[in-house]
Amino acid sequence: MHTSTPIPAVKTSTTFSLPIPKIPGLPPPETATALLADTTIDEPKEIISGLLHQGTKGVIASASKAGKTCLLLDLALSVATGTKFLHWDTTQGKVMFINFEVMRGFMKKRLTALKNRRQIQTVENLHIWNLRGKTANFEALVANIIREVEGKGFSLIILDPIYKAMVGRSESIGSSVGVLCDQLERLAERSGAAVLFSHHFPKGDPKKKAVIDRMAGSGVIARDADSLVAITEHETTGCYTVEMVLRNFPEQPAFVVELDYPVMVEREDLDPEDVASDGAEPDTDEGLLDLLKAKPLTSGEWQAAALGLGLSRPTFYRVKAVLKADGYVMYDTKTKTWSLASTAKG
């Protein structure tokens, strides 16, 4: 009778047929105790207070032709002069604005208008690098940018717009976007500066998507950034709701800005919840009205209760917009709460 040799259930050792590749500069692991005891560790400097640290990555995204370049130029000028940007304070530092899209003559026109509007006398800390038509080999371009900025004390590097760096690659393929994000990480690490870039929304109703999902292409772009600022069209013409998704800062409330060329100015009288919609109305209030019967709720409380009912965030925002437009609910600007209007369903 033939007896088969038993096969061990667990391998007791593993032999690698090839040597493990060495990665230059790879730090050793450390214990949590050692990490907590290290008194030399400091948080990176905040370039934009409450929004962006030096050495981190950020993205500002909006629909096309929403004034991103004007906004980014305003941001660059604010950091270069240490002045306020929208409602955020900034820390003065050298800024490199890398322009991939606007012709040099038009860039001069925009910067002149912005400088005059803000009555700024000197722009010595702001550097403009016009690279329209030079993005075909982005890896090589990043190497040249690093050579230009490394060791020169730049606080902020802005790339506008990032889709120009996707020549030959698809922004919808995660692996292609991953290569791009790796290059941006390399730029931030080698320069020591915060790296901020602009991106765009796809066609369609952004209101139906969570803030982090509104950008075109692969979701890797949004999730890789440490700070995300989404600028979504408001129902008031010429105005935009500004929302943030932040990895290293506390959550911040949304607010509304209006494009008053060449700057954006805050509109405290407008409700940031009133994002423009494609007009599609739901057949039901999805139970949102019942949630307000007991007492008024803040936007966050109302949304949390709606999620508890199993609704998605896009559905909550879409239905809430219709309920407000139809006069079923009202918003109290003093208490910042929503309540049933007199015409609400009983």
C-alpha atoms as a PDB file:
ATOM      1  CA  MET A   1       0.000   0.000   0.000  1.00  0.00           C
ATOM      2  CA  HIS A   2       1.400   3.358  -1.020  1.00  0.00           C
ATOM      3  CA  THR A   3       1.702   5.906   1.788  1.00  0.00           C
ATOM      4  CA  SER A   4       1.796   9.580   0.778  1.00  0.00           C
ATOM      5  CA  THR A   5       4.154  11.966   2.513  1.00  0.00           C
ATOM      6  CA  PRO A   6       2.211  14.531   4.575  1.00  0.00           C
ATOM      7  CA  ILE A   7       2.553  18.164   3.531  1.00  0.00           C
ATOM      8  CA  PRO A   8       3.213  20.550   6.422  1.00  0.00           C
ATOM      9  CA  ALA A   9       0.351  22.976   7.004  1.00  0.00           C
ATOM     10  CA  VAL A  10       2.654  25.902   7.769  1.00  0.00           C
ATOM     11  CA  LYS A  11       5.981  26.741   6.216  1.00  0.00           C
ATOM     12  CA  THR A  12       8.576  27.189   8.924  1.00  0.00           C
ATOM     13  CA  SER A  13      10.925  29.389   6.925  1.00  0.00           C
ATOM     14  CA  THR A  14      11.079  31.462   3.779  1.00  0.00           C
ATOM     15  CA  THR A  15      14.079  31.810   1.528  1.00  0.00           C
ATOM     16  CA  PHE A  16      14.242  34.757  -0.873  1.00  0.00           C
ATOM     17  CA  SER A  17      15.740  33.802  -4.204  1.00  0.00           C
ATOM     18  CA  LEU A  18      16.726  37.422  -4.891  1.00  0.00           C
ATOM     19  CA  PRO A  19      18.378  39.932  -2.556  1.00  0.00           C
ATOM     20  CA  ILE A  20      16.073  42.524  -0.998  1.00  0.00           C
ATOM     21  CA  PRO A  21      16.642  45.810  -2.856  1.00  0.00           C
ATOM     22  CA  LYS A  22      18.098  48.627  -0.788  1.00  0.00           C
ATOM     23  CA  ILE A  23      16.214  51.911  -0.594  1.00  0.00           C
ATOM     24  CA  PRO A  24      18.560  54.847   0.047  1.00  0.00           C
ATOM     25  CA  GLY A  25      17.570  57.045   2.975  1.00  0.00           C
ATOM     26  CA  LEU A  26      14.973  54.645   4.399  1.00  0.00           C
ATOM     27  CA  PRO A  27      14.704  55.471   8.128  1.00  0.00           C
ATOM     28  CA  PRO A  28      14.622  52.659  10.688  1.00  0.00           C
ATOM     29  CA  PRO A  29      11.431  51.953  12.641  1.00  0.00           C
ATOM     30  CA  GLU A  30      11.188  53.509  16.096  1.00  0.00           C
ATOM     31  CA  THR A  31       9.202  52.745  19.180  1.00  0.00           C
ATOM     32  CA  ALA A  32       6.229  54.909  20.097  1.00  0.00           C
ATOM     33  CA  THR A  33       8.006  55.677  23.375  1.00  0.00           C
ATOM     34  CA  ALA A  34      11.005  57.098  21.507  1.00  0.00           C
ATOM     35  CA  LEU A  35       8.753  59.114  19.200  1.00  0.00           C
ATOM     36  CA  LEU A  36       6.834  60.653  22.104  1.00  0.00           C
ATOM     37  CA  ALA A  37      10.045  61.408  23.987  1.00  0.00           C
ATOM     38  CA  ASP A  38      11.678  63.235  21.059  1.00  0.00           C
ATOM     39  CA  THR A  39      11.647  66.905  22.077  1.00  0.00           C
ATOM     40  CA  THR A  40      13.252  68.021  18.818  1.00  0.00           C
ATOM     41  CA  ILE A  41      10.085  67.388  16.802  1.00  0.00           C
ATOM     42  CA  ASP A  42       8.049  70.470  15.933  1.00  0.00           C
ATOM     43  CA  GLU A  43       5.025  70.817  13.703  1.00  0.00           C
ATOM     44  CA  PRO A  44       5.836  72.383  10.338  1.00  0.00           C
ATOM     45  CA  LYS A  45       5.249  76.119  10.061  1.00  0.00           C
ATOM     46  CA  GLU A  46       1.772  77.157   8.955  1.00  0.00           C
ATOM     47  CA  ILE A  47       2.063  78.991   5.643  1.00  0.00           C
ATOM     48  CA  ILE A  48      -1.685  79.662   5.606  1.00  0.00           C
ATOM     49  CA  SER A  49      -3.050  79.615   9.148  1.00  0.00           C
ATOM     50  CA  GLY A  50      -5.426  76.731   9.682  1.00  0.00           C
ATOM     51  CA  LEU A  51      -5.106  75.570   6.080  1.00  0.00           C
ATOM     52  CA  LEU A  52      -1.610  74.625   4.858  1.00  0.00           C
ATOM     53  CA  HIS A  53       1.690  73.647   6.517  1.00  0.00           C
ATOM     54  CA  GLN A  54       5.117  74.079   4.964  1.00  0.00           C
ATOM     55  CA  GLY A  55       6.269  70.815   3.363  1.00  0.00           C
ATOM     56  CA  THR A  56       2.719  69.522   2.779  1.00  0.00           C
ATOM     57  CA  LYS A  57       0.555  69.297  -0.349  1.00  0.00           C
ATOM     58  CA  GLY A  58      -2.669  71.109  -1.130  1.00  0.00           C
ATOM     59  CA  VAL A  59      -5.161  71.356  -3.994  1.00  0.00           C
ATOM     60  CA  ILE A  60      -7.691  74.018  -4.949  1.00  0.00           C
ATOM     61  CA  ALA A  61     -10.401  72.685  -7.255  1.00  0.00           C
ATOM     62  CA  SER A  62     -13.373  74.241  -9.012  1.00  0.00           C
ATOM     63  CA  ALA A  63     -15.321  74.200 -12.245  1.00  0.00           C
ATOM     64  CA  SER A  64     -13.550  75.559 -15.321  1.00  0.00           C
ATOM     65  CA  LYS A  65     -13.403  79.359 -15.708  1.00  0.00           C
ATOM     66  CA  ALA A  66     -14.296  79.915 -12.039  1.00  0.00           C
ATOM     67  CA  GLY A  67     -11.347  82.222 -11.396  1.00  0.00           C
ATOM     68  CA  LYS A  68      -8.834  79.707  -9.989  1.00  0.00           C
ATOM     69  CA  THR A  69      -5.804  81.472 -11.468  1.00  0.00           C
ATOM     70  CA  CYS A  70      -6.871  84.843 -10.030  1.00  0.00           C
ATOM     71  CA  LEU A  71      -7.449  83.180  -6.667  1.00  0.00           C
ATOM     72  CA  LEU A  72      -4.068  81.432  -6.737  1.00  0.00           C
ATOM     73  CA  LEU A  73      -2.279  84.636  -7.741  1.00  0.00           C
ATOM     74  CA  ASP A  74      -4.008  86.403  -4.850  1.00  0.00           C
ATOM     75  CA  LEU A  75      -2.870  83.596  -2.548  1.00  0.00           C
ATOM     76  CA  ALA A  76       0.695  83.803  -3.872  1.00  0.00           C
ATOM     77  CA  LEU A  77       0.775  87.563  -3.343  1.00  0.00           C
ATOM     78  CA  SER A  78      -0.679  87.186   0.146  1.00  0.00           C
ATOM     79  CA  VAL A  79       2.045  84.754   1.265  1.00  0.00           C
ATOM     80  CA  ALA A  80       4.769  86.782  -0.473  1.00  0.00           C
ATOM     81  CA  THR A  81       3.721  89.858   1.519  1.00  0.00           C
ATOM     82  CA  GLY A  82       2.491  88.138   4.693  1.00  0.00           C
ATOM     83  CA  THR A  83      -0.996  89.612   4.279  1.00  0.00           C
ATOM     84  CA  LYS A  84      -4.455  88.091   4.709  1.00  0.00           C
ATOM     85  CA  PHE A  85      -5.819  85.674   2.106  1.00  0.00           C
ATOM     86  CA  LEU A  86      -9.630  85.648   2.185  1.00  0.00           C
ATOM     87  CA  HIS A  87     -10.172  85.114   5.922  1.00  0.00           C
ATOM     88  CA  TRP A  88      -6.905  83.254   6.614  1.00  0.00           C
ATOM     89  CA  ASP A  89      -3.712  84.832   7.967  1.00  0.00           C
ATOM     90  CA  THR A  90      -0.468  83.945   6.183  1.00  0.00           C
ATOM     91  CA  THR A  91       3.192  83.705   7.121  1.00  0.00           C
ATOM     92  CA  GLN A  92       5.417  85.765   4.847  1.00  0.00           C
ATOM     93  CA  GLY A  93       7.800  83.788   2.667  1.00  0.00           C
ATOM     94  CA  LYS A  94       9.175  83.302  -0.834  1.00  0.00           C
ATOM     95  CA  VAL A  95       6.684  81.982  -3.377  1.00  0.00           C
ATOM     96  CA  MET A  96       7.258  80.312  -6.727  1.00  0.00           C
ATOM     97  CA  PHE A  97       4.200  80.489  -9.014  1.00  0.00           C
ATOM     98  CA  ILE A  98       4.593  78.036 -11.893  1.00  0.00           C
ATOM     99  CA  ASN A  99       2.224  78.981 -14.701  1.00  0.00           C
ATOM    100  CA  PHE A 100       1.455  76.209 -17.185  1.00  0.00           C
ATOM    101  CA  GLU A 101      -1.513  77.800 -18.957  1.00  0.00           C
ATOM    102  CA  VAL A 102      -1.688  81.605 -19.211  1.00  0.00           C
ATOM    103  CA  MET A 103       0.440  83.407 -21.794  1.00  0.00           C
ATOM    104  CA  ARG A 104       3.145  85.638 -20.312  1.00  0.00           C
ATOM    105  CA  GLY A 105       1.509  88.871 -21.477  1.00  0.00           C
ATOM    106  CA  PHE A 106      -1.814  87.981 -19.870  1.00  0.00           C
ATOM    107  CA  MET A 107      -0.055  86.875 -16.688  1.00  0.00           C
ATOM    108  CA  LYS A 108       1.539  90.333 -16.475  1.00  0.00           C
ATOM    109  CA  LYS A 109      -1.881  91.935 -16.970  1.00  0.00           C
ATOM    110  CA  ARG A 110      -3.493  89.880 -14.204  1.00  0.00           C
ATOM    111  CA  LEU A 111      -0.659  90.425 -11.759  1.00  0.00           C
ATOM    112  CA  THR A 112      -0.672  94.174 -12.444  1.00  0.00           C
ATOM    113  CA  ALA A 113      -4.420  94.386 -11.813  1.00  0.00           C
ATOM    114  CA  LEU A 114      -4.083  92.397  -8.593  1.00  0.00           C
ATOM    115  CA  LYS A 115      -1.133  94.448  -7.322  1.00  0.00           C
ATOM    116  CA  ASN A 116      -2.968  97.703  -8.002  1.00  0.00           C
ATOM    117  CA  ARG A 117      -6.237  96.497  -6.481  1.00  0.00           C
ATOM    118  CA  ARG A 118      -4.527  95.440  -3.278  1.00  0.00           C
ATOM    119  CA  GLN A 119      -2.274  98.522  -3.232  1.00  0.00           C
ATOM    120  CA  ILE A 120       0.858  96.428  -2.757  1.00  0.00           C
ATOM    121  CA  GLN A 121       4.114  98.247  -3.389  1.00  0.00           C
ATOM    122  CA  THR A 122       6.687  95.451  -3.613  1.00  0.00           C
ATOM    123  CA  VAL A 123       6.452  91.884  -4.910  1.00  0.00           C
ATOM    124  CA  GLU A 124      10.090  90.851  -4.439  1.00  0.00           C
ATOM    125  CA  ASN A 125       9.165  87.602  -2.669  1.00  0.00           C
ATOM    126  CA  LEU A 126       6.968  86.447  -5.552  1.00  0.00           C
ATOM    127  CA  HIS A 127       8.606  84.584  -8.438  1.00  0.00           C
ATOM    128  CA  ILE A 128       6.679  83.759 -11.635  1.00  0.00           C
ATOM    129  CA  TRP A 129       7.885  80.919 -13.874  1.00  0.00           C
ATOM    130  CA  ASN A 130       5.987  80.868 -17.174  1.00  0.00           C
ATOM    131  CA  LEU A 131       6.162  77.304 -18.558  1.00  0.00           C
ATOM    132  CA  ARG A 132       3.252  77.182 -20.968  1.00  0.00           C
ATOM    133  CA  GLY A 133       3.935  74.372 -23.448  1.00  0.00           C
ATOM    134  CA  LYS A 134       6.792  72.872 -21.397  1.00  0.00           C
ATOM    135  CA  THR A 135       5.044  70.025 -19.541  1.00  0.00           C
ATOM    136  CA  ALA A 136       5.486  67.084 -21.938  1.00  0.00           C
ATOM    137  CA  ASN A 137       8.029  65.353 -19.653  1.00  0.00           C
ATOM    138  CA  PHE A 138       6.802  66.146 -16.150  1.00  0.00           C
ATOM    139  CA  GLU A 139       9.387  64.024 -14.341  1.00  0.00           C
ATOM    140  CA  ALA A 140      12.178  65.918 -16.060  1.00  0.00           C
ATOM    141  CA  LEU A 141      10.376  69.191 -15.396  1.00  0.00           C
ATOM    142  CA  VAL A 142      10.100  68.431 -11.664  1.00  0.00           C
ATOM    143  CA  ALA A 143      13.841  67.710 -11.590  1.00  0.00           C
ATOM    144  CA  ASN A 144      14.460  71.147 -13.125  1.00  0.00           C
ATOM    145  CA  ILE A 145      12.051  72.825 -10.696  1.00  0.00           C
ATOM    146  CA  ILE A 146      13.865  71.182  -7.783  1.00  0.00           C
ATOM    147  CA  ARG A 147      17.192  72.418  -9.137  1.00  0.00           C
ATOM    148  CA  GLU A 148      15.754  75.932  -9.326  1.00  0.00           C
ATOM    149  CA  VAL A 149      14.192  76.068  -5.830  1.00  0.00           C
ATOM    150  CA  GLU A 150      16.184  73.669  -3.645  1.00  0.00           C
ATOM    151  CA  GLY A 151      18.077  75.392  -0.849  1.00  0.00           C
ATOM    152  CA  LYS A 152      16.679  78.831  -1.719  1.00  0.00           C
ATOM    153  CA  GLY A 153      14.191  79.111   1.138  1.00  0.00           C
ATOM    154  CA  PHE A 154      10.909  78.934  -0.731  1.00  0.00           C
ATOM    155  CA  SER A 155       7.850  78.593   1.507  1.00  0.00           C
ATOM    156  CA  LEU A 156       5.249  77.887  -1.169  1.00  0.00           C
ATOM    157  CA  ILE A 157       5.281  76.469  -4.700  1.00  0.00           C
ATOM    158  CA  ILE A 158       2.086  76.790  -6.770  1.00  0.00           C
ATOM    159  CA  LEU A 159       1.471  74.792  -9.965  1.00  0.00           C
ATOM    160  CA  ASP A 160      -1.416  76.023 -12.111  1.00  0.00           C
ATOM    161  CA  PRO A 161      -3.103  73.916 -13.466  1.00  0.00           C
ATOM    162  CA  ILE A 162      -2.017  70.361 -12.665  1.00  0.00           C
ATOM    163  CA  TYR A 163      -3.828  68.709 -15.590  1.00  0.00           C
ATOM    164  CA  LYS A 164      -1.165  70.177 -17.864  1.00  0.00           C
ATOM    165  CA  ALA A 165       1.284  67.798 -16.165  1.00  0.00           C
ATOM    166  CA  MET A 166      -0.767  64.785 -17.300  1.00  0.00           C
ATOM    167  CA  VAL A 167       0.407  64.871 -20.932  1.00  0.00           C
ATOM    168  CA  GLY A 168       0.398  61.279 -22.199  1.00  0.00           C
ATOM    169  CA  ARG A 169      -1.337  59.990 -19.065  1.00  0.00           C
ATOM    170  CA  SER A 170      -4.966  59.656 -18.037  1.00  0.00           C
ATOM    171  CA  GLU A 171      -6.159  61.547 -14.977  1.00  0.00           C
ATOM    172  CA  SER A 172      -8.776  58.808 -14.529  1.00  0.00           C
ATOM    173  CA  ILE A 173      -6.244  56.000 -14.024  1.00  0.00           C
ATOM    174  CA  GLY A 174      -5.043  55.668 -10.456  1.00  0.00           C
ATOM    175  CA  SER A 175      -1.571  54.422 -11.394  1.00  0.00           C
ATOM    176  CA  SER A 176      -0.958  57.415 -13.674  1.00  0.00           C
ATOM    177  CA  VAL A 177      -2.160  59.841 -11.020  1.00  0.00           C
ATOM    178  CA  GLY A 178      -0.051  58.006  -8.450  1.00  0.00           C
ATOM    179  CA  VAL A 179       3.091  58.790 -10.464  1.00  0.00           C
ATOM    180  CA  LEU A 180       2.073  62.463 -10.538  1.00  0.00           C
ATOM    181  CA  CYS A 181       1.450  62.524  -6.772  1.00  0.00           C
ATOM    182  CA  ASP A 182       4.825  60.891  -6.179  1.00  0.00           C
ATOM    183  CA  GLN A 183       6.519  63.658  -8.183  1.00  0.00           C
ATOM    184  CA  LEU A 184       4.698  66.337  -6.172  1.00  0.00           C
ATOM    185  CA  GLU A 185       5.748  64.592  -2.941  1.00  0.00           C
ATOM    186  CA  ARG A 186       9.326  64.619  -4.182  1.00  0.00           C
ATOM    187  CA  LEU A 187       9.092  68.326  -4.954  1.00  0.00           C
ATOM    188  CA  ALA A 188       7.732  69.117  -1.478  1.00  0.00           C
ATOM    189  CA  GLU A 189      10.384  67.011   0.252  1.00  0.00           C
ATOM    190  CA  ARG A 190      13.347  68.342  -1.714  1.00  0.00           C
ATOM    191  CA  SER A 191      12.257  71.994  -1.655  1.00  0.00           C
ATOM    192  CA  GLY A 192      10.931  72.046   1.897  1.00  0.00           C
ATOM    193  CA  ALA A 193       8.053  74.186   0.619  1.00  0.00           C
ATOM    194  CA  ALA A 194       4.325  73.620   0.644  1.00  0.00           C
ATOM    195  CA  VAL A 195       3.214  72.502  -2.822  1.00  0.00           C
ATOM    196  CA  LEU A 196      -0.219  73.708  -3.934  1.00  0.00           C
ATOM    197  CA  PHE A 197      -1.840  72.959  -7.285  1.00  0.00           C
ATOM    198  CA  SER A 198      -5.138  73.635  -9.021  1.00  0.00           C
ATOM    199  CA  HIS A 199      -7.479  71.061 -10.505  1.00  0.00           C
ATOM    200  CA  HIS A 200     -10.927  71.075 -12.103  1.00  0.00           C
ATOM    201  CA  PHE A 201     -14.381  69.591 -11.600  1.00  0.00           C
ATOM    202  CA  PRO A 202     -15.894  67.352 -14.295  1.00  0.00           C
ATOM    203  CA  LYS A 203     -19.192  68.197 -15.961  1.00  0.00           C
ATOM    204  CA  GLY A 204     -22.312  67.409 -13.963  1.00  0.00           C
ATOM    205  CA  ASP A 205     -23.911  68.470 -10.700  1.00  0.00           C
ATOM    206  CA  PRO A 206     -21.229  68.756  -7.967  1.00  0.00           C
ATOM    207  CA  LYS A 207     -23.952  68.970  -5.343  1.00  0.00           C
ATOM    208  CA  LYS A 208     -24.593  65.257  -5.786  1.00  0.00           C
ATOM    209  CA  LYS A 209     -21.066  64.416  -4.627  1.00  0.00           C
ATOM    210  CA  ALA A 210     -19.195  64.740  -1.352  1.00  0.00           C
ATOM    211  CA  VAL A 211     -16.569  67.501  -1.382  1.00  0.00           C
ATOM    212  CA  ILE A 212     -13.670  65.062  -1.644  1.00  0.00           C
ATOM    213  CA  ASP A 213     -15.270  63.360  -4.674  1.00  0.00           C
ATOM    214  CA  ARG A 214     -15.939  66.445  -6.795  1.00  0.00           C
ATOM    215  CA  MET A 215     -12.645  66.592  -8.660  1.00  0.00           C
ATOM    216  CA  ALA A 216     -12.219  65.135 -12.131  1.00  0.00           C
ATOM    217  CA  GLY A 217     -10.364  61.893 -12.658  1.00  0.00           C
ATOM    218  CA  SER A 218      -9.022  59.462 -10.122  1.00  0.00           C
ATOM    219  CA  GLY A 219      -9.883  60.000  -6.456  1.00  0.00           C
ATOM    220  CA  VAL A 220      -6.181  59.548  -5.701  1.00  0.00           C
ATOM    221  CA  ILE A 221      -5.631  63.266  -6.359  1.00  0.00           C
ATOM    222  CA  ALA A 222      -8.010  64.404  -3.628  1.00  0.00           C
ATOM    223  CA  ARG A 223      -7.005  61.756  -1.118  1.00  0.00           C
ATOM    224  CA  ASP A 224      -3.288  62.330  -1.552  1.00  0.00           C
ATOM    225  CA  ALA A 225      -3.506  66.042  -0.713  1.00  0.00           C
ATOM    226  CA  ASP A 226      -3.131  67.162   2.899  1.00  0.00           C
ATOM    227  CA  SER A 227      -5.409  70.162   2.329  1.00  0.00           C
ATOM    228  CA  LEU A 228      -8.255  70.310  -0.181  1.00  0.00           C
ATOM    229  CA  VAL A 229     -10.225  73.456  -0.994  1.00  0.00           C
ATOM    230  CA  ALA A 230     -13.301  73.017  -3.205  1.00  0.00           C
ATOM    231  CA  ILE A 231     -14.839  76.082  -4.853  1.00  0.00           C
ATOM    232  CA  THR A 232     -18.363  75.203  -5.967  1.00  0.00           C
ATOM    233  CA  GLU A 233     -20.727  77.465  -7.879  1.00  0.00           C
ATOM    234  CA  HIS A 234     -23.278  79.139  -5.604  1.00  0.00           C
ATOM    235  CA  GLU A 235     -26.887  79.722  -6.626  1.00  0.00           C
ATOM    236  CA  THR A 236     -26.106  83.467  -6.557  1.00  0.00           C
ATOM    237  CA  THR A 237     -24.503  84.427  -9.870  1.00  0.00           C
ATOM    238  CA  GLY A 238     -20.784  85.141  -9.628  1.00  0.00           C
ATOM    239  CA  CYS A 239     -20.498  83.602  -6.164  1.00  0.00           C
ATOM    240  CA  TYR A 240     -18.919  80.368  -4.939  1.00  0.00           C
ATOM    241  CA  THR A 241     -19.087  78.201  -1.843  1.00  0.00           C
ATOM    242  CA  VAL A 242     -15.660  77.419  -0.377  1.00  0.00           C
ATOM    243  CA  GLU A 243     -15.362  74.088   1.467  1.00  0.00           C
ATOM    244  CA  MET A 244     -12.311  72.436   3.017  1.00  0.00           C
ATOM    245  CA  VAL A 245     -11.196  68.856   3.677  1.00  0.00           C
ATOM    246  CA  LEU A 246      -8.147  68.968   5.965  1.00  0.00           C
ATOM    247  CA  ARG A 247      -5.870  66.186   7.178  1.00  0.00           C
ATOM    248  CA  ASN A 248      -3.821  68.109   9.740  1.00  0.00           C
ATOM    249  CA  PHE A 249      -6.220  70.824  10.912  1.00  0.00           C
ATOM    250  CA  PRO A 250      -9.604  70.899  12.648  1.00  0.00           C
ATOM    251  CA  GLU A 251     -12.699  71.026  10.458  1.00  0.00           C
ATOM    252  CA  GLN A 252     -13.664  74.527   9.286  1.00  0.00           C
ATOM    253  CA  PRO A 253     -17.079  75.881   8.302  1.00  0.00           C
ATOM    254  CA  ALA A 254     -17.779  76.618   4.648  1.00  0.00           C
ATOM    255  CA  PHE A 255     -18.173  80.211   3.467  1.00  0.00           C
ATOM    256  CA  VAL A 256     -19.127  82.105   0.313  1.00  0.00           C
ATOM    257  CA  VAL A 257     -16.955  84.310  -1.907  1.00  0.00           C
ATOM    258  CA  GLU A 258     -17.767  86.527  -4.874  1.00  0.00           C
ATOM    259  CA  LEU A 259     -15.464  87.093  -7.826  1.00  0.00           C
ATOM    260  CA  ASP A 260     -14.819  90.836  -7.930  1.00  0.00           C
ATOM    261  CA  TYR A 261     -12.049  90.807 -10.526  1.00  0.00           C
ATOM    262  CA  PRO A 262      -9.174  90.419  -9.894  1.00  0.00           C
ATOM    263  CA  VAL A 263      -9.905  89.220  -6.347  1.00  0.00           C
ATOM    264  CA  MET A 264     -12.468  87.106  -4.539  1.00  0.00           C
ATOM    265  CA  VAL A 265     -14.183  88.708  -1.567  1.00  0.00           C
ATOM    266  CA  GLU A 266     -16.233  87.100   1.198  1.00  0.00           C
ATOM    267  CA  ARG A 267     -20.018  87.327   1.180  1.00  0.00           C
ATOM    268  CA  GLU A 268     -21.069  86.791   4.773  1.00  0.00           C
ATOM    269  CA  ASP A 269     -24.698  87.493   3.862  1.00  0.00           C
ATOM    270  CA  LEU A 270     -24.953  84.350   1.709  1.00  0.00           C
ATOM    271  CA  ASP A 271     -25.583  80.806   2.931  1.00  0.00           C
ATOM    272  CA  PRO A 272     -22.787  78.412   1.857  1.00  0.00           C
ATOM    273  CA  GLU A 273     -25.340  75.605   1.715  1.00  0.00           C
ATOM    274  CA  ASP A 274     -26.998  77.215  -1.308  1.00  0.00           C
ATOM    275  CA  VAL A 275     -24.835  75.456  -3.881  1.00  0.00           C
ATOM    276  CA  ALA A 276     -26.129  75.648  -7.443  1.00  0.00           C
ATOM    277  CA  SER A 277     -27.921  72.484  -8.524  1.00  0.00           C
ATOM    278  CA  ASP A 278     -28.898  70.909 -11.825  1.00  0.00           C
ATOM    279  CA  GLY A 279     -32.535  71.345 -10.823  1.00  0.00           C
ATOM    280  CA  ALA A 280     -33.417  67.688 -10.365  1.00  0.00           C
ATOM    281  CA  GLU A 281     -36.042  67.482  -7.634  1.00  0.00           C
ATOM    282  CA  PRO A 282     -36.706  64.412  -5.473  1.00  0.00           C
ATOM    283  CA  ASP A 283     -40.151  62.876  -5.273  1.00  0.00           C
ATOM    284  CA  THR A 284     -40.032  62.823  -1.466  1.00  0.00           C
ATOM    285  CA  ASP A 285     -38.483  64.736   1.415  1.00  0.00           C
ATOM    286  CA  GLU A 286     -36.674  61.468   2.353  1.00  0.00           C
ATOM    287  CA  GLY A 287     -37.637  61.954   6.016  1.00  0.00           C
ATOM    288  CA  LEU A 288     -35.633  65.167   6.437  1.00  0.00           C
ATOM    289  CA  LEU A 289     -38.645  67.195   7.579  1.00  0.00           C
ATOM    290  CA  ASP A 290     -39.434  64.774  10.394  1.00  0.00           C
ATOM    291  CA  LEU A 291     -35.942  65.299  11.765  1.00  0.00           C
ATOM    292  CA  LEU A 292     -36.720  68.983  12.383  1.00  0.00           C
ATOM    293  CA  LYS A 293     -40.049  68.452  14.180  1.00  0.00           C
ATOM    294  CA  ALA A 294     -38.530  68.065  17.653  1.00  0.00           C
ATOM    295  CA  LYS A 295     -36.231  71.093  17.530  1.00  0.00           C
ATOM    296  CA  PRO A 296     -34.108  73.214  15.138  1.00  0.00           C
ATOM    297  CA  LEU A 297     -30.825  71.619  14.091  1.00  0.00           C
ATOM    298  CA  THR A 298     -27.515  72.961  12.842  1.00  0.00           C
ATOM    299  CA  SER A 299     -26.424  71.844   9.385  1.00  0.00           C
ATOM    300  CA  GLY A 300     -24.041  69.324  10.920  1.00  0.00           C
ATOM    301  CA  GLU A 301     -26.675  67.907  13.279  1.00  0.00           C
ATOM    302  CA  TRP A 302     -29.253  67.641  10.515  1.00  0.00           C
ATOM    303  CA  GLN A 303     -26.813  65.922   8.179  1.00  0.00           C
ATOM    304  CA  ALA A 304     -25.692  63.474  10.898  1.00  0.00           C
ATOM    305  CA  ALA A 305     -29.319  62.566  11.620  1.00  0.00           C
ATOM    306  CA  ALA A 306     -29.973  62.082   7.887  1.00  0.00           C
ATOM    307  CA  LEU A 307     -26.971  59.795   7.544  1.00  0.00           C
ATOM    308  CA  GLY A 308     -28.419  57.851  10.448  1.00  0.00           C
ATOM    309  CA  LEU A 309     -31.488  57.243   8.300  1.00  0.00           C
ATOM    310  CA  GLY A 310     -29.269  55.718   5.636  1.00  0.00           C
ATOM    311  CA  LEU A 311     -29.213  58.711   3.276  1.00  0.00           C
ATOM    312  CA  SER A 312     -26.017  59.610   1.445  1.00  0.00           C
ATOM    313  CA  ARG A 313     -24.469  63.068   1.770  1.00  0.00           C
ATOM    314  CA  PRO A 314     -25.263  63.968  -1.867  1.00  0.00           C
ATOM    315  CA  THR A 315     -28.916  63.005  -1.334  1.00  0.00           C
ATOM    316  CA  PHE A 316     -29.064  65.049   1.870  1.00  0.00           C
ATOM    317  CA  TYR A 317     -27.704  68.173   0.170  1.00  0.00           C
ATOM    318  CA  ARG A 318     -29.908  67.752  -2.900  1.00  0.00           C
ATOM    319  CA  VAL A 319     -33.137  67.242  -0.932  1.00  0.00           C
ATOM    320  CA  LYS A 320     -32.310  70.018   1.531  1.00  0.00           C
ATOM    321  CA  ALA A 321     -31.806  72.484  -1.330  1.00  0.00           C
ATOM    322  CA  VAL A 322     -35.238  71.643  -2.755  1.00  0.00           C
ATOM    323  CA  LEU A 323     -36.927  71.884   0.657  1.00  0.00           C
ATOM    324  CA  LYS A 324     -35.440  75.321   1.151  1.00  0.00           C
ATOM    325  CA  ALA A 325     -36.320  76.509  -2.362  1.00  0.00           C
ATOM    326  CA  ASP A 326     -39.918  75.319  -1.919  1.00  0.00           C
ATOM    327  CA  GLY A 327     -40.255  77.072   1.429  1.00  0.00           C
ATOM    328  CA  TYR A 328     -40.517  74.000   3.624  1.00  0.00           C
ATOM    329  CA  VAL A 329     -37.516  74.860   5.816  1.00  0.00           C
ATOM    330  CA  MET A 330     -35.783  78.061   6.862  1.00  0.00           C
ATOM    331  CA  TYR A 331     -32.324  78.968   8.112  1.00  0.00           C
ATOM    332  CA  ASP A 332     -31.712  81.253  11.106  1.00  0.00           C
ATOM    333  CA  THR A 333     -28.445  83.151  10.562  1.00  0.00           C
ATOM    334  CA  LYS A 334     -28.227  84.094  14.259  1.00  0.00           C
ATOM    335  CA  THR A 335     -28.545  80.607  15.728  1.00  0.00           C
ATOM    336  CA  LYS A 336     -27.167  78.930  12.572  1.00  0.00           C
ATOM    337  CA  THR A 337     -29.950  76.352  12.725  1.00  0.00           C
ATOM    338  CA  TRP A 338     -32.583  74.938  10.375  1.00  0.00           C
ATOM    339  CA  SER A 339     -36.232  74.649  11.334  1.00  0.00           C
ATOM    340  CA  LEU A 340     -39.609  73.897   9.760  1.00  0.00           C
ATOM    341  CA  ALA A 341     -41.195  76.832   7.966  1.00  0.00           C
ATOM    342  CA  SER A 342     -44.882  77.623   8.394  1.00  0.00           C
ATOM    343  CA  THR A 343     -45.632  75.990   5.040  1.00  0.00           C
ATOM    344  CA  ALA A 344     -43.902  72.745   5.960  1.00  0.00           C
ATOM    345  CA  LYS A 345     -45.621  69.416   5.567  1.00  0.00           C
ATOM    346  CA  GLY A 346     -47.412  68.371   8.714  1.00  0.00           C
END
